[in-house]
Amino acid sequence: MHLFRLDASIMPGASTSAELANAAEAEWAAAHPEGTVTRRNLGTDPLPGDIWATAALAGFTPEDQRTPEQQEAAALGATLAEELRAADAAIIAVPLYNWGVSQHFKTWVDLVIAGAGPTAELLKGKPVVLLTSLGGGFAPGTPREGWDHSTPYLERILRDVWGAELTTVRRELTLAAVNPAMEGLRGLAAEYHTQALDAATAAGKALVRA
């Protein structure tokens, strides 16, 4: 069995999304001690921010007329797409930044699409766990309801474009422990933390059952 794991936190030493991903991966690893894992960490090893445009243009250029830069970008896109295609299951850990998806994660998505094509169902029928962490609160009735422009996009790409059998685990209020203005929310944040870890563990078990 083969697992693909992607992390996108820019704070690998204190990543709340990685903590959830670790809980899910532990369940998968326990069930598949001989399994292999392909890892890609966009936070510690980001992709060049301008490479997608080169890869996209390469798609409209005959192979024998591509520049060396276009050849390199197209090859990288194909490699990224193959990492998903070769996996039996996937764990995707992506925090919310500035109310949306970060540039380095979006570059990865765009390169995968450049490498595979916009309609390729790279995760068709495969179990995938999306783990996302949000610094504030975005629940219905809160002041920031509707400001999470990341999770719907992530689910659209993973489930509706790439065909994943998707489970989403969210943890909100991750900044409550360090933001004095959120001190009154620390009890609720602790509850959310426990609930998210439990959900991540359950999602990891579901990866195994699938």
C-alpha atoms as a PDB file:
ATOM      1  CA  MET A   1       0.000   0.000   0.000  1.00  0.00           C
ATOM      2  CA  HIS A   2       1.163   3.487  -0.815  1.00  0.00           C
ATOM      3  CA  LEU A   3       0.256   6.736   0.964  1.00  0.00           C
ATOM      4  CA  PHE A   4       0.774  10.265  -0.311  1.00  0.00           C
ATOM      5  CA  ARG A   5       1.085  12.990   2.318  1.00  0.00           C
ATOM      6  CA  LEU A   6       1.238  16.709   1.670  1.00  0.00           C
ATOM      7  CA  ASP A   7       1.895  19.381   4.298  1.00  0.00           C
ATOM      8  CA  ALA A   8       1.618  23.096   3.640  1.00  0.00           C
ATOM      9  CA  SER A   9       2.341  24.786   6.968  1.00  0.00           C
ATOM     10  CA  ILE A  10       5.042  27.458   6.980  1.00  0.00           C
ATOM     11  CA  MET A  11       5.695  26.614  10.663  1.00  0.00           C
ATOM     12  CA  PRO A  12       6.729  22.943  10.597  1.00  0.00           C
ATOM     13  CA  GLY A  13       7.906  22.981  14.201  1.00  0.00           C
ATOM     14  CA  ALA A  14       4.559  24.167  15.537  1.00  0.00           C
ATOM     15  CA  SER A  15       2.090  23.125  12.870  1.00  0.00           C
ATOM     16  CA  THR A  16      -1.435  22.422  14.057  1.00  0.00           C
ATOM     17  CA  SER A  17      -2.409  20.907  10.706  1.00  0.00           C
ATOM     18  CA  ALA A  18       0.623  18.588  10.824  1.00  0.00           C
ATOM     19  CA  GLU A  19      -0.380  17.450  14.313  1.00  0.00           C
ATOM     20  CA  LEU A  20      -3.721  16.309  12.922  1.00  0.00           C
ATOM     21  CA  ALA A  21      -2.047  14.693   9.925  1.00  0.00           C
ATOM     22  CA  ASN A  22       0.316  12.800  12.222  1.00  0.00           C
ATOM     23  CA  ALA A  23      -2.656  11.351  14.086  1.00  0.00           C
ATOM     24  CA  ALA A  24      -4.254  10.167  10.847  1.00  0.00           C
ATOM     25  CA  GLU A  25      -1.006   8.795   9.441  1.00  0.00           C
ATOM     26  CA  ALA A  26      -0.282   6.849  12.632  1.00  0.00           C
ATOM     27  CA  GLU A  27      -3.449   4.816  12.102  1.00  0.00           C
ATOM     28  CA  TRP A  28      -2.572   4.110   8.474  1.00  0.00           C
ATOM     29  CA  ALA A  29       1.028   3.178   9.334  1.00  0.00           C
ATOM     30  CA  ALA A  30      -0.057   0.819  12.112  1.00  0.00           C
ATOM     31  CA  ALA A  31      -2.230  -1.079   9.656  1.00  0.00           C
ATOM     32  CA  HIS A  32       0.368  -1.021   6.861  1.00  0.00           C
ATOM     33  CA  PRO A  33       3.785  -1.551   8.481  1.00  0.00           C
ATOM     34  CA  GLU A  34       5.257  -2.466   5.094  1.00  0.00           C
ATOM     35  CA  GLY A  35       3.563   0.426   3.315  1.00  0.00           C
ATOM     36  CA  THR A  36       5.408   3.264   1.647  1.00  0.00           C
ATOM     37  CA  VAL A  37       4.832   6.993   2.032  1.00  0.00           C
ATOM     38  CA  THR A  38       5.596   9.758  -0.446  1.00  0.00           C
ATOM     39  CA  ARG A  39       5.929  13.079   1.358  1.00  0.00           C
ATOM     40  CA  ARG A  40       5.835  16.595   0.000  1.00  0.00           C
ATOM     41  CA  ASN A  41       6.153  19.566   2.316  1.00  0.00           C
ATOM     42  CA  LEU A  42       5.361  22.831   0.592  1.00  0.00           C
ATOM     43  CA  GLY A  43       6.213  24.821   3.684  1.00  0.00           C
ATOM     44  CA  THR A  44       9.818  23.666   3.982  1.00  0.00           C
ATOM     45  CA  ASP A  45      10.372  22.888   0.291  1.00  0.00           C
ATOM     46  CA  PRO A  46       8.209  25.341  -1.676  1.00  0.00           C
ATOM     47  CA  LEU A  47       7.824  25.188  -5.423  1.00  0.00           C
ATOM     48  CA  PRO A  48       9.030  28.189  -7.467  1.00  0.00           C
ATOM     49  CA  GLY A  49       6.220  30.716  -7.491  1.00  0.00           C
ATOM     50  CA  ASP A  50       6.526  31.500 -11.203  1.00  0.00           C
ATOM     51  CA  ILE A  51       6.883  27.968 -12.518  1.00  0.00           C
ATOM     52  CA  TRP A  52       3.188  27.359 -13.143  1.00  0.00           C
ATOM     53  CA  ALA A  53       3.019  29.961 -15.920  1.00  0.00           C
ATOM     54  CA  THR A  54       5.948  28.246 -17.634  1.00  0.00           C
ATOM     55  CA  ALA A  55       4.318  24.825 -17.295  1.00  0.00           C
ATOM     56  CA  ALA A  56       0.992  26.152 -18.590  1.00  0.00           C
ATOM     57  CA  LEU A  57       2.634  27.686 -21.646  1.00  0.00           C
ATOM     58  CA  ALA A  58       4.512  24.452 -22.248  1.00  0.00           C
ATOM     59  CA  GLY A  59       1.148  22.738 -22.612  1.00  0.00           C
ATOM     60  CA  PHE A  60       0.406  24.901 -25.635  1.00  0.00           C
ATOM     61  CA  THR A  61       3.840  24.404 -27.185  1.00  0.00           C
ATOM     62  CA  PRO A  62       4.886  21.364 -29.269  1.00  0.00           C
ATOM     63  CA  GLU A  63       7.383  19.317 -27.308  1.00  0.00           C
ATOM     64  CA  ASP A  64      10.153  19.767 -29.847  1.00  0.00           C
ATOM     65  CA  GLN A  65       9.734  23.539 -29.640  1.00  0.00           C
ATOM     66  CA  ARG A  66       9.744  23.922 -25.864  1.00  0.00           C
ATOM     67  CA  THR A  67      12.450  25.908 -24.156  1.00  0.00           C
ATOM     68  CA  PRO A  68      14.577  24.173 -21.528  1.00  0.00           C
ATOM     69  CA  GLU A  69      12.596  26.054 -18.871  1.00  0.00           C
ATOM     70  CA  GLN A  70       9.314  24.810 -20.325  1.00  0.00           C
ATOM     71  CA  GLN A  71      10.615  21.254 -20.473  1.00  0.00           C
ATOM     72  CA  GLU A  72      11.667  21.414 -16.828  1.00  0.00           C
ATOM     73  CA  ALA A  73       8.343  22.908 -15.703  1.00  0.00           C
ATOM     74  CA  ALA A  74       6.305  20.373 -17.669  1.00  0.00           C
ATOM     75  CA  ALA A  75       8.350  17.520 -16.214  1.00  0.00           C
ATOM     76  CA  LEU A  76       7.775  18.788 -12.687  1.00  0.00           C
ATOM     77  CA  GLY A  77       4.033  19.040 -13.277  1.00  0.00           C
ATOM     78  CA  ALA A  78       3.986  15.456 -14.573  1.00  0.00           C
ATOM     79  CA  THR A  79       5.949  14.287 -11.518  1.00  0.00           C
ATOM     80  CA  LEU A  80       3.558  15.967  -9.096  1.00  0.00           C
ATOM     81  CA  ALA A  81       0.549  14.499 -10.862  1.00  0.00           C
ATOM     82  CA  GLU A  82       2.101  11.027 -10.806  1.00  0.00           C
ATOM     83  CA  GLU A  83       2.616  11.248  -7.036  1.00  0.00           C
ATOM     84  CA  LEU A  84      -1.161  11.457  -6.649  1.00  0.00           C
ATOM     85  CA  ARG A  85      -1.932   8.920  -9.352  1.00  0.00           C
ATOM     86  CA  ALA A  86       0.395   6.340  -7.768  1.00  0.00           C
ATOM     87  CA  ALA A  87      -1.075   6.642  -4.277  1.00  0.00           C
ATOM     88  CA  ASP A  88      -3.656   4.290  -2.776  1.00  0.00           C
ATOM     89  CA  ALA A  89      -4.657   6.902  -0.188  1.00  0.00           C
ATOM     90  CA  ALA A  90      -3.715  10.467   0.675  1.00  0.00           C
ATOM     91  CA  ILE A  91      -3.423  12.837   3.622  1.00  0.00           C
ATOM     92  CA  ILE A  92      -3.523  16.546   2.800  1.00  0.00           C
ATOM     93  CA  ALA A  93      -2.737  18.996   5.629  1.00  0.00           C
ATOM     94  CA  VAL A  94      -3.368  22.626   4.703  1.00  0.00           C
ATOM     95  CA  PRO A  95      -3.802  25.541   7.130  1.00  0.00           C
ATOM     96  CA  LEU A  96      -5.851  28.641   6.396  1.00  0.00           C
ATOM     97  CA  TYR A  97      -3.737  31.707   5.654  1.00  0.00           C
ATOM     98  CA  ASN A  98      -5.231  35.183   5.244  1.00  0.00           C
ATOM     99  CA  TRP A  99      -8.700  33.700   4.785  1.00  0.00           C
ATOM    100  CA  GLY A 100      -7.696  31.627   1.767  1.00  0.00           C
ATOM    101  CA  VAL A 101      -5.265  29.108   0.340  1.00  0.00           C
ATOM    102  CA  SER A 102      -1.640  30.162   0.345  1.00  0.00           C
ATOM    103  CA  GLN A 103       0.310  30.922  -2.797  1.00  0.00           C
ATOM    104  CA  HIS A 104       2.639  27.959  -2.340  1.00  0.00           C
ATOM    105  CA  PHE A 105      -0.257  25.493  -2.080  1.00  0.00           C
ATOM    106  CA  LYS A 106      -2.063  27.050  -5.044  1.00  0.00           C
ATOM    107  CA  THR A 107       1.135  26.725  -7.101  1.00  0.00           C
ATOM    108  CA  TRP A 108       1.169  22.997  -6.332  1.00  0.00           C
ATOM    109  CA  VAL A 109      -2.461  22.590  -7.423  1.00  0.00           C
ATOM    110  CA  ASP A 110      -1.870  24.551 -10.621  1.00  0.00           C
ATOM    111  CA  LEU A 111       1.233  22.524 -11.482  1.00  0.00           C
ATOM    112  CA  VAL A 112      -0.594  19.241 -10.904  1.00  0.00           C
ATOM    113  CA  ILE A 113      -3.363  20.386 -13.224  1.00  0.00           C
ATOM    114  CA  ALA A 114      -0.786  21.506 -15.791  1.00  0.00           C
ATOM    115  CA  GLY A 115       0.870  18.101 -15.583  1.00  0.00           C
ATOM    116  CA  ALA A 116      -2.266  15.957 -15.712  1.00  0.00           C
ATOM    117  CA  GLY A 117      -4.837  18.126 -17.449  1.00  0.00           C
ATOM    118  CA  PRO A 118      -7.871  19.886 -15.954  1.00  0.00           C
ATOM    119  CA  THR A 119     -10.175  16.853 -16.079  1.00  0.00           C
ATOM    120  CA  ALA A 120      -7.835  14.125 -14.801  1.00  0.00           C
ATOM    121  CA  GLU A 121      -9.395  12.341 -11.813  1.00  0.00           C
ATOM    122  CA  LEU A 122      -6.095  11.587 -10.140  1.00  0.00           C
ATOM    123  CA  LEU A 123      -7.692  10.475  -6.864  1.00  0.00           C
ATOM    124  CA  LYS A 124     -10.755   8.775  -8.315  1.00  0.00           C
ATOM    125  CA  GLY A 125     -12.282   6.493  -5.691  1.00  0.00           C
ATOM    126  CA  LYS A 126      -9.304   6.820  -3.355  1.00  0.00           C
ATOM    127  CA  PRO A 127      -9.732   7.638   0.355  1.00  0.00           C
ATOM    128  CA  VAL A 128      -8.339  11.065   1.137  1.00  0.00           C
ATOM    129  CA  VAL A 129      -8.253  12.945   4.440  1.00  0.00           C
ATOM    130  CA  LEU A 130      -8.111  16.734   4.343  1.00  0.00           C
ATOM    131  CA  LEU A 131      -6.909  18.256   7.607  1.00  0.00           C
ATOM    132  CA  THR A 132      -7.145  22.001   7.935  1.00  0.00           C
ATOM    133  CA  SER A 133      -6.476  24.382  10.805  1.00  0.00           C
ATOM    134  CA  LEU A 134      -7.886  27.875  11.209  1.00  0.00           C
ATOM    135  CA  GLY A 135      -6.585  30.486  13.611  1.00  0.00           C
ATOM    136  CA  GLY A 136      -9.950  32.107  14.267  1.00  0.00           C
ATOM    137  CA  GLY A 137     -13.574  31.065  14.477  1.00  0.00           C
ATOM    138  CA  PHE A 138     -15.713  30.800  11.369  1.00  0.00           C
ATOM    139  CA  ALA A 139     -18.781  28.957  12.630  1.00  0.00           C
ATOM    140  CA  PRO A 140     -22.299  30.141  11.727  1.00  0.00           C
ATOM    141  CA  GLY A 141     -23.192  33.208  13.729  1.00  0.00           C
ATOM    142  CA  THR A 142     -19.612  34.304  14.386  1.00  0.00           C
ATOM    143  CA  PRO A 143     -18.305  37.658  13.097  1.00  0.00           C
ATOM    144  CA  ARG A 144     -16.109  35.883  10.547  1.00  0.00           C
ATOM    145  CA  GLU A 145     -18.727  33.496   9.201  1.00  0.00           C
ATOM    146  CA  GLY A 146     -18.131  33.142   5.472  1.00  0.00           C
ATOM    147  CA  TRP A 147     -14.519  34.330   5.635  1.00  0.00           C
ATOM    148  CA  ASP A 148     -13.049  30.843   5.201  1.00  0.00           C
ATOM    149  CA  HIS A 149     -12.297  30.869   1.478  1.00  0.00           C
ATOM    150  CA  SER A 150      -9.900  27.952   1.789  1.00  0.00           C
ATOM    151  CA  THR A 151     -11.877  24.871   2.844  1.00  0.00           C
ATOM    152  CA  PRO A 152     -14.508  25.042   0.068  1.00  0.00           C
ATOM    153  CA  TYR A 153     -11.746  25.422  -2.527  1.00  0.00           C
ATOM    154  CA  LEU A 154      -9.750  22.502  -1.100  1.00  0.00           C
ATOM    155  CA  GLU A 155     -12.815  20.274  -1.121  1.00  0.00           C
ATOM    156  CA  ARG A 156     -13.702  21.336  -4.656  1.00  0.00           C
ATOM    157  CA  ILE A 157     -10.268  20.396  -5.987  1.00  0.00           C
ATOM    158  CA  LEU A 158      -9.788  17.150  -4.059  1.00  0.00           C
ATOM    159  CA  ARG A 159     -13.321  15.793  -4.310  1.00  0.00           C
ATOM    160  CA  ASP A 160     -14.963  17.353  -7.337  1.00  0.00           C
ATOM    161  CA  VAL A 161     -11.986  17.771  -9.671  1.00  0.00           C
ATOM    162  CA  TRP A 162      -9.710  14.901  -8.663  1.00  0.00           C
ATOM    163  CA  GLY A 163     -12.476  12.512  -7.571  1.00  0.00           C
ATOM    164  CA  ALA A 164     -11.342  11.716  -4.018  1.00  0.00           C
ATOM    165  CA  GLU A 165     -13.489   9.914  -1.467  1.00  0.00           C
ATOM    166  CA  LEU A 166     -12.970  12.821   0.880  1.00  0.00           C
ATOM    167  CA  THR A 167     -13.124  13.233   4.642  1.00  0.00           C
ATOM    168  CA  THR A 168     -12.525  16.741   6.033  1.00  0.00           C
ATOM    169  CA  VAL A 169     -11.268  17.459   9.550  1.00  0.00           C
ATOM    170  CA  ARG A 170     -11.204  21.101  10.709  1.00  0.00           C
ATOM    171  CA  ARG A 171      -9.709  22.652  13.819  1.00  0.00           C
ATOM    172  CA  GLU A 172     -10.659  26.272  14.555  1.00  0.00           C
ATOM    173  CA  LEU A 173      -9.392  28.813  17.112  1.00  0.00           C
ATOM    174  CA  THR A 174      -5.797  27.615  16.925  1.00  0.00           C
ATOM    175  CA  LEU A 175      -4.505  31.104  17.786  1.00  0.00           C
ATOM    176  CA  ALA A 176      -6.470  31.354  21.021  1.00  0.00           C
ATOM    177  CA  ALA A 177      -3.581  29.993  23.069  1.00  0.00           C
ATOM    178  CA  VAL A 178      -1.202  32.760  21.955  1.00  0.00           C
ATOM    179  CA  ASN A 179      -3.481  35.715  21.230  1.00  0.00           C
ATOM    180  CA  PRO A 180      -4.418  37.716  24.356  1.00  0.00           C
ATOM    181  CA  ALA A 181      -7.490  39.060  22.586  1.00  0.00           C
ATOM    182  CA  MET A 182      -8.809  35.483  22.334  1.00  0.00           C
ATOM    183  CA  GLU A 183      -8.213  34.559  25.991  1.00  0.00           C
ATOM    184  CA  GLY A 184     -11.919  34.072  26.624  1.00  0.00           C
ATOM    185  CA  LEU A 185     -12.050  31.475  23.852  1.00  0.00           C
ATOM    186  CA  ARG A 186      -9.286  29.239  25.186  1.00  0.00           C
ATOM    187  CA  GLY A 187     -11.630  26.761  26.822  1.00  0.00           C
ATOM    188  CA  LEU A 188     -13.587  26.344  23.605  1.00  0.00           C
ATOM    189  CA  ALA A 189     -10.354  26.150  21.631  1.00  0.00           C
ATOM    190  CA  ALA A 190      -9.174  23.287  23.837  1.00  0.00           C
ATOM    191  CA  GLU A 191     -12.429  21.443  23.140  1.00  0.00           C
ATOM    192  CA  TYR A 192     -11.986  21.991  19.420  1.00  0.00           C
ATOM    193  CA  HIS A 193      -8.422  20.655  19.692  1.00  0.00           C
ATOM    194  CA  THR A 194      -9.555  17.437  21.348  1.00  0.00           C
ATOM    195  CA  GLN A 195     -12.427  16.990  18.910  1.00  0.00           C
ATOM    196  CA  ALA A 196     -10.159  17.526  15.921  1.00  0.00           C
ATOM    197  CA  LEU A 197      -7.572  15.023  17.150  1.00  0.00           C
ATOM    198  CA  ASP A 198     -10.311  12.454  17.715  1.00  0.00           C
ATOM    199  CA  ALA A 199     -11.704  13.143  14.245  1.00  0.00           C
ATOM    200  CA  ALA A 200      -8.252  12.863  12.676  1.00  0.00           C
ATOM    201  CA  THR A 201      -7.676   9.514  14.367  1.00  0.00           C
ATOM    202  CA  ALA A 202     -11.060   8.284  13.168  1.00  0.00           C
ATOM    203  CA  ALA A 203     -10.298   9.505   9.665  1.00  0.00           C
ATOM    204  CA  GLY A 204      -7.014   7.605   9.718  1.00  0.00           C
ATOM    205  CA  LYS A 205      -8.874   4.441  10.670  1.00  0.00           C
ATOM    206  CA  ALA A 206     -11.297   5.095   7.819  1.00  0.00           C
ATOM    207  CA  LEU A 207      -8.326   5.268   5.423  1.00  0.00           C
ATOM    208  CA  VAL A 208      -7.414   1.758   6.532  1.00  0.00           C
ATOM    209  CA  ARG A 209     -10.950   0.401   6.164  1.00  0.00           C
ATOM    210  CA  ALA A 210     -11.253   1.928   2.711  1.00  0.00           C
END
